[in-house]
Amino acid sequence: MGGDPIEHRDQIHFVLRCALLALGSQLLVFYGSHLIPTPPPHILTTPLDDAIHVAPIWVTVYFLVFADWIGCVLAILFDRRSHARRFTAAYVIGMVISGVIFVVYPCTMPRPDIPGSDLFSVLMRLLYRIDTPTNLFPSLHVMITYFCWRGSMGCDRLPKWFSKLQFGILICVCLSILFVKQHVFVDIPSAIVVGELSLQLAKLLPEKSEE
């Protein structure tokens, strides 16, 4: 009862390797891209972005989605190994593509002053201090959430409602990055394009038999 302890331990090791590979690629791209000299940054603000007013309450979505990423990615990695491998490969590919774009075509954006003393305004100022307006195009926030949604769709062990929940979270994240003025609109479709391209490229990798 409870399964073979050795098999269970092996599964945990497999999940940890995949998780560390995904997280390592993300951290390397996010922080490593700042260490490489880049051309002058571009500003891709559109009239749509100018029409969207800052709404500090949306900073809660921006921060809370980190918890969703952890839970969702682990759930995907604990599914069948072939799916977990392709998910991890797509994640790494997406980070590599994004990192190249961050260096070759860096973007920035103006951000408003947040004068309020309420909790959401305080969190907004904290966000602006710890996350500079760089590495914007494509949005990693959107791409990772897109990976969670698409990855959950291919899982055998997750209920159908879970992927629907992830899609709802994806929509909320897309809105949050605009309302907290951390990204501009074009950062959203670019993230989805890079994410889907990465998923398709991962499918081209050779299959490995299930253990």
Protein backbone atom coordinates (compact mmCIF):
# COMPACT_ATOMS: atom_id res chain seq x y z
CA MET A 1 0.00 0.00 0.00
CA GLY A 2 1.37 3.42 -0.93
CA GLY A 3 3.57 2.09 -3.73
CA ASP A 4 7.16 0.99 -3.94
CA PRO A 5 9.34 3.36 -1.81
CA ILE A 6 12.20 3.15 -4.32
CA GLU A 7 9.89 4.00 -7.23
CA HIS A 8 8.34 6.82 -5.23
CA ARG A 9 11.78 8.23 -4.38
CA ASP A 10 12.85 7.96 -8.02
CA GLN A 11 9.75 9.92 -9.07
CA ILE A 12 10.54 12.67 -6.59
CA HIS A 13 14.11 12.88 -7.89
CA PHE A 14 12.81 13.12 -11.46
CA VAL A 15 10.42 15.94 -10.56
CA LEU A 16 13.15 17.81 -8.69
CA ARG A 17 15.51 17.56 -11.66
CA CYS A 18 12.86 18.94 -14.01
CA ALA A 19 11.86 21.68 -11.58
CA LEU A 20 15.45 22.78 -11.01
CA LEU A 21 16.14 22.81 -14.74
CA ALA A 22 13.08 24.98 -15.39
CA LEU A 23 13.76 27.32 -12.46
CA GLY A 24 17.46 27.51 -13.28
CA SER A 25 16.77 28.54 -16.86
CA GLN A 26 14.32 31.19 -15.68
CA LEU A 27 16.70 32.71 -13.14
CA LEU A 28 19.62 32.58 -15.58
CA VAL A 29 17.65 34.43 -18.24
CA PHE A 30 16.01 36.94 -15.91
CA TYR A 31 19.17 37.95 -14.07
CA GLY A 32 21.81 36.97 -16.62
CA SER A 33 20.34 39.18 -19.32
CA HIS A 34 21.12 42.21 -17.14
CA LEU A 35 24.81 41.33 -17.24
CA ILE A 36 25.08 41.49 -21.03
CA PRO A 37 25.50 44.86 -22.80
CA THR A 38 22.42 45.64 -24.87
CA PRO A 39 21.32 48.29 -27.39
CA PRO A 40 19.24 51.25 -26.19
CA PRO A 41 15.83 49.99 -24.99
CA HIS A 42 12.67 50.42 -27.04
CA ILE A 43 9.36 51.75 -25.74
CA LEU A 44 6.40 49.87 -27.25
CA THR A 45 3.62 51.82 -25.55
CA THR A 46 0.45 52.13 -27.63
CA PRO A 47 -2.64 54.36 -27.31
CA LEU A 48 -4.36 51.37 -25.67
CA ASP A 49 -1.75 51.36 -22.91
CA ASP A 50 -2.17 55.10 -22.43
CA ALA A 51 -5.91 54.58 -22.03
CA ILE A 52 -5.47 52.00 -19.25
CA HIS A 53 -5.26 53.61 -15.82
CA VAL A 54 -3.22 52.10 -13.02
CA ALA A 55 -5.27 49.99 -10.59
CA PRO A 56 -3.11 49.00 -7.59
CA ILE A 57 -5.50 46.27 -6.41
CA TRP A 58 -4.32 44.14 -9.35
CA VAL A 59 -0.88 43.86 -7.77
CA THR A 60 -2.36 41.03 -5.68
CA VAL A 61 -2.76 38.92 -8.83
CA TYR A 62 0.77 39.81 -9.93
CA PHE A 63 2.24 38.47 -6.68
CA LEU A 64 -0.15 35.59 -5.91
CA VAL A 65 0.40 33.93 -9.28
CA PHE A 66 3.85 32.85 -8.05
CA ALA A 67 2.10 30.39 -5.72
CA ASP A 68 -0.01 29.10 -8.60
CA TRP A 69 3.09 28.53 -10.73
CA ILE A 70 4.68 26.37 -8.03
CA GLY A 71 1.58 24.25 -7.49
CA CYS A 72 0.71 23.91 -11.16
CA VAL A 73 4.23 23.11 -12.37
CA LEU A 74 4.65 20.44 -9.70
CA ALA A 75 1.28 18.93 -10.60
CA ILE A 76 2.34 18.76 -14.26
CA LEU A 77 5.74 17.28 -13.44
CA PHE A 78 4.14 14.55 -11.32
CA ASP A 79 2.06 13.47 -14.32
CA ARG A 80 3.41 10.96 -16.84
CA ARG A 81 7.10 11.45 -17.50
CA SER A 82 6.89 11.95 -21.25
CA HIS A 83 4.56 14.91 -20.71
CA ALA A 84 6.74 16.28 -17.89
CA ARG A 85 9.85 16.10 -20.08
CA ARG A 86 8.22 17.96 -22.95
CA PHE A 87 6.81 20.56 -20.57
CA THR A 88 10.26 21.11 -19.07
CA ALA A 89 11.86 21.26 -22.51
CA ALA A 90 9.30 23.83 -23.67
CA TYR A 91 9.85 25.87 -20.52
CA VAL A 92 13.61 25.97 -21.08
CA ILE A 93 13.24 26.71 -24.79
CA GLY A 94 10.85 29.55 -24.00
CA MET A 95 13.32 31.03 -21.53
CA VAL A 96 16.19 30.80 -24.02
CA ILE A 97 14.17 32.50 -26.77
CA SER A 98 13.04 35.21 -24.35
CA GLY A 99 16.61 35.74 -23.15
CA VAL A 100 17.83 36.28 -26.69
CA ILE A 101 15.06 38.82 -27.30
CA PHE A 102 15.83 40.62 -24.02
CA VAL A 103 19.43 41.10 -25.15
CA VAL A 104 18.87 41.79 -28.87
CA TYR A 105 15.68 43.86 -28.57
CA PRO A 106 15.47 45.25 -25.00
CA CYS A 107 12.34 47.15 -24.04
CA THR A 108 11.34 49.46 -21.22
CA MET A 109 8.33 51.56 -20.30
CA PRO A 110 7.48 54.60 -18.19
CA ARG A 111 5.84 53.83 -14.87
CA PRO A 112 3.61 56.15 -12.85
CA ASP A 113 4.17 57.45 -9.35
CA ILE A 114 2.12 55.58 -6.74
CA PRO A 115 1.41 58.05 -3.92
CA GLY A 116 -1.21 56.18 -1.85
CA SER A 117 -0.65 54.74 1.64
CA ASP A 118 -3.08 51.81 1.32
CA LEU A 119 -1.82 48.23 1.20
CA PHE A 120 -2.12 47.89 -2.57
CA SER A 121 -0.18 51.10 -3.20
CA VAL A 122 2.54 49.96 -0.81
CA LEU A 123 2.75 46.64 -2.66
CA MET A 124 2.95 48.52 -5.96
CA ARG A 125 5.91 50.55 -4.77
CA LEU A 126 7.54 47.36 -3.52
CA LEU A 127 7.02 45.77 -6.94
CA TYR A 128 8.59 48.76 -8.67
CA ARG A 129 11.62 48.57 -6.36
CA ILE A 130 12.30 44.85 -6.80
CA ASP A 131 11.34 44.51 -10.48
CA THR A 132 12.76 47.13 -12.83
CA PRO A 133 11.00 47.94 -16.15
CA THR A 134 13.29 45.63 -18.11
CA ASN A 135 12.89 42.16 -19.68
CA LEU A 136 9.40 43.19 -20.74
CA PHE A 137 9.01 41.84 -24.27
CA PRO A 138 7.83 39.07 -24.08
CA SER A 139 6.24 38.99 -20.63
CA LEU A 140 7.58 36.09 -18.58
CA HIS A 141 4.60 36.47 -16.27
CA VAL A 142 2.26 35.71 -19.15
CA MET A 143 4.45 33.04 -20.75
CA ILE A 144 4.85 31.01 -17.56
CA THR A 145 1.12 31.19 -16.86
CA TYR A 146 0.48 30.16 -20.47
CA PHE A 147 2.77 27.15 -19.94
CA CYS A 148 0.77 26.24 -16.84
CA TRP A 149 -2.49 26.35 -18.74
CA ARG A 150 -1.26 24.43 -21.78
CA GLY A 151 0.69 21.98 -19.66
CA SER A 152 -2.30 21.21 -17.44
CA MET A 153 -4.40 20.44 -20.53
CA GLY A 154 -2.17 17.49 -21.38
CA CYS A 155 -2.17 15.89 -17.92
CA ASP A 156 -3.86 12.56 -17.34
CA ARG A 157 -4.14 12.90 -13.57
CA LEU A 158 -5.55 16.41 -13.29
CA PRO A 159 -9.32 17.04 -13.41
CA LYS A 160 -10.76 18.97 -16.34
CA TRP A 161 -11.69 21.93 -14.17
CA PHE A 162 -8.02 22.47 -13.32
CA SER A 163 -7.05 23.55 -16.84
CA LYS A 164 -10.12 25.81 -16.96
CA LEU A 165 -8.95 27.39 -13.72
CA GLN A 166 -5.50 27.93 -15.22
CA PHE A 167 -7.04 29.62 -18.25
CA GLY A 168 -8.92 31.98 -15.93
CA ILE A 169 -5.70 32.73 -14.08
CA LEU A 170 -3.99 33.42 -17.42
CA ILE A 171 -6.64 36.03 -18.27
CA CYS A 172 -6.24 37.63 -14.84
CA VAL A 173 -2.46 37.76 -15.21
CA CYS A 174 -2.78 39.42 -18.62
CA LEU A 175 -4.99 42.07 -17.08
CA SER A 176 -2.83 42.50 -13.99
CA ILE A 177 0.40 43.28 -15.86
CA LEU A 178 -1.44 46.08 -17.68
CA PHE A 179 -3.23 47.51 -14.64
CA VAL A 180 -0.06 47.61 -12.53
CA LYS A 181 1.83 49.20 -15.45
CA GLN A 182 4.54 46.57 -15.41
CA HIS A 183 4.08 45.69 -19.09
CA VAL A 184 2.49 47.07 -22.24
CA PHE A 185 -0.07 45.29 -24.37
CA VAL A 186 2.30 43.86 -27.00
CA ASP A 187 4.15 41.99 -24.25
CA ILE A 188 1.10 39.72 -23.94
CA PRO A 189 0.72 38.34 -27.49
CA SER A 190 4.49 38.11 -27.84
CA ALA A 191 4.61 35.92 -24.71
CA ILE A 192 1.86 33.65 -26.03
CA VAL A 193 3.59 33.32 -29.41
CA VAL A 194 6.94 32.46 -27.82
CA GLY A 195 5.23 30.06 -25.41
CA GLU A 196 3.35 28.21 -28.13
CA LEU A 197 6.40 28.11 -30.40
CA SER A 198 8.38 26.58 -27.54
CA LEU A 199 5.71 23.93 -26.98
CA GLN A 200 5.77 23.01 -30.66
CA LEU A 201 9.57 22.88 -30.75
CA ALA A 202 9.57 20.62 -27.70
CA LYS A 203 7.39 18.15 -29.61
CA LEU A 204 10.18 17.76 -32.16
CA LEU A 205 12.54 16.34 -29.54
CA PRO A 206 12.99 12.55 -29.66
CA GLU A 207 10.68 10.50 -27.47
CA LYS A 208 12.06 8.68 -24.46
CA SER A 209 10.35 5.53 -23.25
CA GLU A 210 8.53 5.66 -19.93
CA GLU A 211 10.39 4.10 -17.01
